[in-house]
Amino acid sequence: MDMQNVFAHRGGKTEIEEGADFAPKFDVDGLIPAMAMDASTREPLMLAYMNEESLRRTLEIGEAVYWSRSRQEFWHKGATSGHIQRIVEIRTDCDQDALVLLVEQIGAGACHTGRNSCFYRKVTPNEGGGGAKLVQIGGAKSFDPAAVYGKH
Protein backbone atom coordinates (compact mmCIF):
# COMPACT_ATOMS: atom_id res chain seq x y z
CA MET A 1 0.00 0.00 0.00
CA ASP A 2 1.34 3.42 -0.92
CA MET A 3 1.90 5.35 2.33
CA GLN A 4 1.37 8.66 0.52
CA ASN A 5 -2.31 7.83 0.06
CA VAL A 6 -3.18 6.26 3.41
CA PHE A 7 -4.06 9.41 5.36
CA ALA A 8 -5.51 12.71 4.17
CA HIS A 9 -3.31 15.71 3.48
CA ARG A 10 -3.26 18.11 6.42
CA GLY A 11 -5.15 21.16 5.30
CA GLY A 12 -5.97 24.35 7.16
CA LYS A 13 -7.02 24.69 10.79
CA THR A 14 -10.77 24.55 10.08
CA GLU A 15 -10.37 21.55 7.81
CA ILE A 16 -8.33 19.67 10.46
CA GLU A 17 -10.60 20.62 13.37
CA GLU A 18 -14.00 20.35 11.69
CA GLY A 19 -13.54 18.20 8.59
CA ALA A 20 -14.19 14.50 8.08
CA ASP A 21 -10.74 13.62 6.72
CA PHE A 22 -8.36 11.75 9.02
CA ALA A 23 -5.04 13.60 8.72
CA PRO A 24 -2.96 12.62 11.76
CA LYS A 25 -0.07 14.87 12.75
CA PHE A 26 3.06 12.91 13.54
CA ASP A 27 5.85 14.56 15.56
CA VAL A 28 9.39 15.25 14.33
CA ASP A 29 10.26 11.59 14.98
CA GLY A 30 7.28 10.45 12.90
CA LEU A 31 5.28 9.36 15.96
CA ILE A 32 1.87 10.03 17.45
CA PRO A 33 0.93 9.16 21.07
CA ALA A 34 -1.79 6.54 21.45
CA MET A 35 -3.54 6.05 24.80
CA ALA A 36 -5.16 2.62 25.05
CA MET A 37 -8.24 2.55 27.27
CA ASP A 38 -10.58 -0.28 28.14
CA ALA A 39 -13.66 0.23 25.95
CA SER A 40 -16.05 -0.91 28.69
CA THR A 41 -14.61 0.58 31.88
CA ARG A 42 -12.70 3.50 30.31
CA GLU A 43 -9.74 2.57 32.53
CA PRO A 44 -6.43 3.76 31.07
CA LEU A 45 -4.39 0.71 30.12
CA MET A 46 -1.20 2.03 28.54
CA LEU A 47 0.39 4.80 26.53
CA ALA A 48 2.42 3.92 23.48
CA TYR A 49 3.35 5.48 20.15
CA MET A 50 2.47 4.77 16.55
CA ASN A 51 4.10 5.75 13.31
CA GLU A 52 2.28 5.91 9.97
CA GLU A 53 2.83 2.24 9.20
CA SER A 54 1.77 0.94 12.63
CA LEU A 55 -1.36 3.11 12.52
CA ARG A 56 -2.13 1.82 9.03
CA ARG A 57 -1.67 -1.78 10.24
CA THR A 58 -3.89 -1.11 13.27
CA LEU A 59 -6.69 0.17 11.03
CA GLU A 60 -6.21 -2.74 8.64
CA ILE A 61 -6.25 -5.64 11.14
CA GLY A 62 -8.39 -4.15 13.93
CA GLU A 63 -5.78 -4.85 16.61
CA ALA A 64 -3.30 -2.44 18.19
CA VAL A 65 0.09 -2.26 16.50
CA TYR A 66 2.54 0.20 18.02
CA TRP A 67 6.06 1.41 17.27
CA SER A 68 8.51 0.49 20.01
CA ARG A 69 10.80 3.44 20.57
CA SER A 70 13.22 1.38 22.66
CA ARG A 71 13.47 -1.56 20.24
CA GLN A 72 12.92 0.49 17.07
CA GLU A 73 10.50 -2.08 15.69
CA PHE A 74 6.80 -2.72 15.19
CA TRP A 75 5.02 -4.10 18.23
CA HIS A 76 1.79 -5.97 17.59
CA LYS A 77 0.35 -5.92 21.10
CA GLY A 78 -0.18 -9.51 22.21
CA ALA A 79 2.00 -11.18 19.57
CA THR A 80 4.30 -12.48 22.33
CA SER A 81 2.01 -12.46 25.37
CA GLY A 82 -1.33 -13.31 23.78
CA HIS A 83 -2.73 -10.18 25.47
CA ILE A 84 -4.15 -8.63 22.31
CA GLN A 85 -5.90 -5.28 22.14
CA ARG A 86 -8.87 -5.54 19.76
CA ILE A 87 -9.85 -2.09 18.52
CA VAL A 88 -13.40 -1.02 19.34
CA GLU A 89 -12.98 2.65 18.40
CA ILE A 90 -10.19 5.12 17.69
CA ARG A 91 -10.57 8.79 18.57
CA THR A 92 -8.34 11.71 17.77
CA ASP A 93 -8.12 15.11 19.41
CA CYS A 94 -9.01 18.43 17.78
CA ASP A 95 -5.70 18.94 15.98
CA GLN A 96 -5.24 15.23 15.25
CA ASP A 97 -1.89 14.89 17.05
CA ALA A 98 -2.96 12.36 19.70
CA LEU A 99 -5.05 9.19 19.66
CA VAL A 100 -7.23 7.33 22.13
CA LEU A 101 -7.71 3.66 21.34
CA LEU A 102 -10.79 2.18 22.98
CA VAL A 103 -9.91 -1.50 23.10
CA GLU A 104 -11.12 -4.86 24.23
CA GLN A 105 -8.13 -6.11 26.24
CA ILE A 106 -7.90 -9.82 25.58
CA GLY A 107 -5.79 -11.82 28.01
CA ALA A 108 -4.63 -11.10 31.53
CA GLY A 109 -3.36 -7.56 31.14
CA ALA A 110 -1.81 -4.72 29.18
CA CYS A 111 1.30 -4.03 31.27
CA HIS A 112 4.62 -5.82 30.88
CA THR A 113 4.91 -5.79 34.70
CA GLY A 114 2.06 -8.31 34.90
CA ARG A 115 -0.74 -5.90 35.70
CA ASN A 116 -4.00 -5.16 33.92
CA SER A 117 -2.99 -1.51 33.44
CA CYS A 118 0.31 0.34 33.27
CA PHE A 119 -1.35 3.05 35.39
CA TYR A 120 -1.31 1.22 38.74
CA ARG A 121 0.13 4.10 40.83
CA LYS A 122 -1.06 7.60 41.54
CA VAL A 123 1.12 10.62 42.20
CA THR A 124 0.43 12.17 45.60
CA PRO A 125 1.99 15.47 46.71
CA ASN A 126 4.10 15.13 49.87
CA GLU A 127 2.57 16.58 53.00
CA GLY A 128 4.06 19.97 53.70
CA GLY A 129 4.86 20.50 50.03
CA GLY A 130 7.95 19.74 48.03
CA GLY A 131 7.88 16.71 45.80
CA ALA A 132 5.55 13.77 45.55
CA LYS A 133 5.34 10.04 46.15
CA LEU A 134 3.75 7.14 44.34
CA VAL A 135 0.88 5.21 45.90
CA GLN A 136 -0.29 1.82 44.56
CA ILE A 137 -3.92 1.79 43.40
CA GLY A 138 -5.36 -1.63 42.69
CA GLY A 139 -2.27 -2.82 40.93
CA ALA A 140 -2.30 -6.49 41.84
CA LYS A 141 -0.55 -8.58 39.22
CA SER A 142 -2.87 -10.47 36.92
CA PHE A 143 -0.15 -12.60 35.30
CA ASP A 144 3.46 -13.62 35.78
CA PRO A 145 5.58 -11.58 33.34
CA ALA A 146 8.52 -14.01 33.62
CA ALA A 147 6.29 -16.86 32.46
CA VAL A 148 4.88 -14.80 29.59
CA TYR A 149 7.93 -12.89 28.37
CA GLY A 150 10.80 -14.98 29.72
CA LYS A 151 13.42 -13.23 31.79
CA HIS A 152 12.00 -9.90 33.02
C-alpha atoms as a PDB file:
ATOM      1  CA  MET A   1       0.000   0.000   0.000  1.00  0.00           C
ATOM      2  CA  ASP A   2       1.339   3.420  -0.919  1.00  0.00           C
ATOM      3  CA  MET A   3       1.903   5.347   2.326  1.00  0.00           C
ATOM      4  CA  GLN A   4       1.368   8.656   0.524  1.00  0.00           C
ATOM      5  CA  ASN A   5      -2.315   7.831   0.058  1.00  0.00           C
ATOM      6  CA  VAL A   6      -3.185   6.257   3.411  1.00  0.00           C
ATOM      7  CA  PHE A   7      -4.055   9.413   5.356  1.00  0.00           C
ATOM      8  CA  ALA A   8      -5.505  12.706   4.170  1.00  0.00           C
ATOM      9  CA  HIS A   9      -3.313  15.714   3.479  1.00  0.00           C
ATOM     10  CA  ARG A  10      -3.256  18.106   6.419  1.00  0.00           C
ATOM     11  CA  GLY A  11      -5.145  21.159   5.295  1.00  0.00           C
ATOM     12  CA  GLY A  12      -5.967  24.348   7.161  1.00  0.00           C
ATOM     13  CA  LYS A  13      -7.024  24.695  10.790  1.00  0.00           C
ATOM     14  CA  THR A  14     -10.767  24.551  10.079  1.00  0.00           C
ATOM     15  CA  GLU A  15     -10.372  21.546   7.810  1.00  0.00           C
ATOM     16  CA  ILE A  16      -8.333  19.672  10.460  1.00  0.00           C
ATOM     17  CA  GLU A  17     -10.599  20.620  13.369  1.00  0.00           C
ATOM     18  CA  GLU A  18     -14.003  20.347  11.691  1.00  0.00           C
ATOM     19  CA  GLY A  19     -13.540  18.196   8.587  1.00  0.00           C
ATOM     20  CA  ALA A  20     -14.193  14.505   8.083  1.00  0.00           C
ATOM     21  CA  ASP A  21     -10.741  13.617   6.720  1.00  0.00           C
ATOM     22  CA  PHE A  22      -8.356  11.747   9.022  1.00  0.00           C
ATOM     23  CA  ALA A  23      -5.041  13.599   8.718  1.00  0.00           C
ATOM     24  CA  PRO A  24      -2.957  12.620  11.758  1.00  0.00           C
ATOM     25  CA  LYS A  25      -0.074  14.875  12.747  1.00  0.00           C
ATOM     26  CA  PHE A  26       3.063  12.909  13.538  1.00  0.00           C
ATOM     27  CA  ASP A  27       5.847  14.557  15.560  1.00  0.00           C
ATOM     28  CA  VAL A  28       9.392  15.254  14.328  1.00  0.00           C
ATOM     29  CA  ASP A  29      10.261  11.588  14.984  1.00  0.00           C
ATOM     30  CA  GLY A  30       7.279  10.450  12.903  1.00  0.00           C
ATOM     31  CA  LEU A  31       5.276   9.359  15.957  1.00  0.00           C
ATOM     32  CA  ILE A  32       1.866  10.034  17.453  1.00  0.00           C
ATOM     33  CA  PRO A  33       0.932   9.163  21.071  1.00  0.00           C
ATOM     34  CA  ALA A  34      -1.788   6.541  21.450  1.00  0.00           C
ATOM     35  CA  MET A  35      -3.536   6.051  24.797  1.00  0.00           C
ATOM     36  CA  ALA A  36      -5.156   2.619  25.050  1.00  0.00           C
ATOM     37  CA  MET A  37      -8.242   2.555  27.266  1.00  0.00           C
ATOM     38  CA  ASP A  38     -10.581  -0.285  28.142  1.00  0.00           C
ATOM     39  CA  ALA A  39     -13.661   0.232  25.950  1.00  0.00           C
ATOM     40  CA  SER A  40     -16.053  -0.914  28.688  1.00  0.00           C
ATOM     41  CA  THR A  41     -14.613   0.577  31.884  1.00  0.00           C
ATOM     42  CA  ARG A  42     -12.704   3.503  30.309  1.00  0.00           C
ATOM     43  CA  GLU A  43      -9.738   2.569  32.532  1.00  0.00           C
ATOM     44  CA  PRO A  44      -6.431   3.761  31.069  1.00  0.00           C
ATOM     45  CA  LEU A  45      -4.392   0.713  30.119  1.00  0.00           C
ATOM     46  CA  MET A  46      -1.203   2.028  28.539  1.00  0.00           C
ATOM     47  CA  LEU A  47       0.390   4.798  26.532  1.00  0.00           C
ATOM     48  CA  ALA A  48       2.423   3.924  23.482  1.00  0.00           C
ATOM     49  CA  TYR A  49       3.349   5.477  20.154  1.00  0.00           C
ATOM     50  CA  MET A  50       2.465   4.767  16.554  1.00  0.00           C
ATOM     51  CA  ASN A  51       4.096   5.755  13.308  1.00  0.00           C
ATOM     52  CA  GLU A  52       2.281   5.912   9.974  1.00  0.00           C
ATOM     53  CA  GLU A  53       2.827   2.237   9.200  1.00  0.00           C
ATOM     54  CA  SER A  54       1.770   0.936  12.634  1.00  0.00           C
ATOM     55  CA  LEU A  55      -1.357   3.115  12.520  1.00  0.00           C
ATOM     56  CA  ARG A  56      -2.133   1.817   9.032  1.00  0.00           C
ATOM     57  CA  ARG A  57      -1.668  -1.779  10.242  1.00  0.00           C
ATOM     58  CA  THR A  58      -3.894  -1.108  13.271  1.00  0.00           C
ATOM     59  CA  LEU A  59      -6.687   0.172  11.029  1.00  0.00           C
ATOM     60  CA  GLU A  60      -6.205  -2.738   8.643  1.00  0.00           C
ATOM     61  CA  ILE A  61      -6.250  -5.637  11.141  1.00  0.00           C
ATOM     62  CA  GLY A  62      -8.386  -4.151  13.934  1.00  0.00           C
ATOM     63  CA  GLU A  63      -5.777  -4.851  16.612  1.00  0.00           C
ATOM     64  CA  ALA A  64      -3.300  -2.442  18.191  1.00  0.00           C
ATOM     65  CA  VAL A  65       0.094  -2.258  16.503  1.00  0.00           C
ATOM     66  CA  TYR A  66       2.541   0.200  18.020  1.00  0.00           C
ATOM     67  CA  TRP A  67       6.055   1.408  17.272  1.00  0.00           C
ATOM     68  CA  SER A  68       8.511   0.486  20.008  1.00  0.00           C
ATOM     69  CA  ARG A  69      10.804   3.437  20.571  1.00  0.00           C
ATOM     70  CA  SER A  70      13.222   1.380  22.663  1.00  0.00           C
ATOM     71  CA  ARG A  71      13.474  -1.559  20.245  1.00  0.00           C
ATOM     72  CA  GLN A  72      12.923   0.492  17.069  1.00  0.00           C
ATOM     73  CA  GLU A  73      10.495  -2.078  15.686  1.00  0.00           C
ATOM     74  CA  PHE A  74       6.795  -2.722  15.194  1.00  0.00           C
ATOM     75  CA  TRP A  75       5.021  -4.102  18.235  1.00  0.00           C
ATOM     76  CA  HIS A  76       1.787  -5.966  17.586  1.00  0.00           C
ATOM     77  CA  LYS A  77       0.349  -5.919  21.096  1.00  0.00           C
ATOM     78  CA  GLY A  78      -0.180  -9.506  22.207  1.00  0.00           C
ATOM     79  CA  ALA A  79       2.000 -11.182  19.571  1.00  0.00           C
ATOM     80  CA  THR A  80       4.296 -12.483  22.330  1.00  0.00           C
ATOM     81  CA  SER A  81       2.011 -12.459  25.372  1.00  0.00           C
ATOM     82  CA  GLY A  82      -1.327 -13.309  23.776  1.00  0.00           C
ATOM     83  CA  HIS A  83      -2.732 -10.176  25.465  1.00  0.00           C
ATOM     84  CA  ILE A  84      -4.152  -8.632  22.306  1.00  0.00           C
ATOM     85  CA  GLN A  85      -5.900  -5.277  22.143  1.00  0.00           C
ATOM     86  CA  ARG A  86      -8.868  -5.539  19.761  1.00  0.00           C
ATOM     87  CA  ILE A  87      -9.848  -2.089  18.516  1.00  0.00           C
ATOM     88  CA  VAL A  88     -13.398  -1.022  19.337  1.00  0.00           C
ATOM     89  CA  GLU A  89     -12.978   2.651  18.404  1.00  0.00           C
ATOM     90  CA  ILE A  90     -10.188   5.119  17.687  1.00  0.00           C
ATOM     91  CA  ARG A  91     -10.573   8.786  18.566  1.00  0.00           C
ATOM     92  CA  THR A  92      -8.338  11.711  17.771  1.00  0.00           C
ATOM     93  CA  ASP A  93      -8.119  15.109  19.408  1.00  0.00           C
ATOM     94  CA  CYS A  94      -9.013  18.428  17.778  1.00  0.00           C
ATOM     95  CA  ASP A  95      -5.699  18.936  15.977  1.00  0.00           C
ATOM     96  CA  GLN A  96      -5.245  15.227  15.254  1.00  0.00           C
ATOM     97  CA  ASP A  97      -1.889  14.894  17.047  1.00  0.00           C
ATOM     98  CA  ALA A  98      -2.965  12.364  19.701  1.00  0.00           C
ATOM     99  CA  LEU A  99      -5.051   9.193  19.658  1.00  0.00           C
ATOM    100  CA  VAL A 100      -7.234   7.331  22.133  1.00  0.00           C
ATOM    101  CA  LEU A 101      -7.708   3.655  21.342  1.00  0.00           C
ATOM    102  CA  LEU A 102     -10.785   2.177  22.982  1.00  0.00           C
ATOM    103  CA  VAL A 103      -9.912  -1.503  23.101  1.00  0.00           C
ATOM    104  CA  GLU A 104     -11.115  -4.865  24.235  1.00  0.00           C
ATOM    105  CA  GLN A 105      -8.135  -6.112  26.241  1.00  0.00           C
ATOM    106  CA  ILE A 106      -7.903  -9.824  25.579  1.00  0.00           C
ATOM    107  CA  GLY A 107      -5.793 -11.816  28.010  1.00  0.00           C
ATOM    108  CA  ALA A 108      -4.625 -11.097  31.532  1.00  0.00           C
ATOM    109  CA  GLY A 109      -3.365  -7.555  31.137  1.00  0.00           C
ATOM    110  CA  ALA A 110      -1.805  -4.722  29.178  1.00  0.00           C
ATOM    111  CA  CYS A 111       1.302  -4.026  31.275  1.00  0.00           C
ATOM    112  CA  HIS A 112       4.618  -5.823  30.877  1.00  0.00           C
ATOM    113  CA  THR A 113       4.909  -5.793  34.705  1.00  0.00           C
ATOM    114  CA  GLY A 114       2.057  -8.308  34.902  1.00  0.00           C
ATOM    115  CA  ARG A 115      -0.745  -5.897  35.699  1.00  0.00           C
ATOM    116  CA  ASN A 116      -4.003  -5.157  33.919  1.00  0.00           C
ATOM    117  CA  SER A 117      -2.991  -1.515  33.438  1.00  0.00           C
ATOM    118  CA  CYS A 118       0.315   0.341  33.268  1.00  0.00           C
ATOM    119  CA  PHE A 119      -1.350   3.048  35.385  1.00  0.00           C
ATOM    120  CA  TYR A 120      -1.311   1.219  38.744  1.00  0.00           C
ATOM    121  CA  ARG A 121       0.135   4.095  40.826  1.00  0.00           C
ATOM    122  CA  LYS A 122      -1.055   7.595  41.537  1.00  0.00           C
ATOM    123  CA  VAL A 123       1.124  10.624  42.199  1.00  0.00           C
ATOM    124  CA  THR A 124       0.429  12.167  45.599  1.00  0.00           C
ATOM    125  CA  PRO A 125       1.987  15.472  46.714  1.00  0.00           C
ATOM    126  CA  ASN A 126       4.100  15.128  49.870  1.00  0.00           C
ATOM    127  CA  GLU A 127       2.570  16.582  52.998  1.00  0.00           C
ATOM    128  CA  GLY A 128       4.062  19.972  53.696  1.00  0.00           C
ATOM    129  CA  GLY A 129       4.859  20.497  50.028  1.00  0.00           C
ATOM    130  CA  GLY A 130       7.948  19.736  48.030  1.00  0.00           C
ATOM    131  CA  GLY A 131       7.882  16.710  45.796  1.00  0.00           C
ATOM    132  CA  ALA A 132       5.551  13.765  45.547  1.00  0.00           C
ATOM    133  CA  LYS A 133       5.343  10.043  46.149  1.00  0.00           C
ATOM    134  CA  LEU A 134       3.750   7.140  44.335  1.00  0.00           C
ATOM    135  CA  VAL A 135       0.883   5.206  45.896  1.00  0.00           C
ATOM    136  CA  GLN A 136      -0.288   1.817  44.562  1.00  0.00           C
ATOM    137  CA  ILE A 137      -3.924   1.791  43.401  1.00  0.00           C
ATOM    138  CA  GLY A 138      -5.364  -1.634  42.690  1.00  0.00           C
ATOM    139  CA  GLY A 139      -2.269  -2.824  40.931  1.00  0.00           C
ATOM    140  CA  ALA A 140      -2.298  -6.494  41.845  1.00  0.00           C
ATOM    141  CA  LYS A 141      -0.554  -8.583  39.222  1.00  0.00           C
ATOM    142  CA  SER A 142      -2.870 -10.473  36.920  1.00  0.00           C
ATOM    143  CA  PHE A 143      -0.153 -12.602  35.302  1.00  0.00           C
ATOM    144  CA  ASP A 144       3.463 -13.619  35.784  1.00  0.00           C
ATOM    145  CA  PRO A 145       5.577 -11.583  33.339  1.00  0.00           C
ATOM    146  CA  ALA A 146       8.522 -14.005  33.619  1.00  0.00           C
ATOM    147  CA  ALA A 147       6.295 -16.857  32.459  1.00  0.00           C
ATOM    148  CA  VAL A 148       4.885 -14.804  29.585  1.00  0.00           C
ATOM    149  CA  TYR A 149       7.935 -12.890  28.372  1.00  0.00           C
ATOM    150  CA  GLY A 150      10.795 -14.981  29.725  1.00  0.00           C
ATOM    151  CA  LYS A 151      13.423 -13.233  31.790  1.00  0.00           C
ATOM    152  CA  HIS A 152      11.995  -9.902  33.017  1.00  0.00           C
END
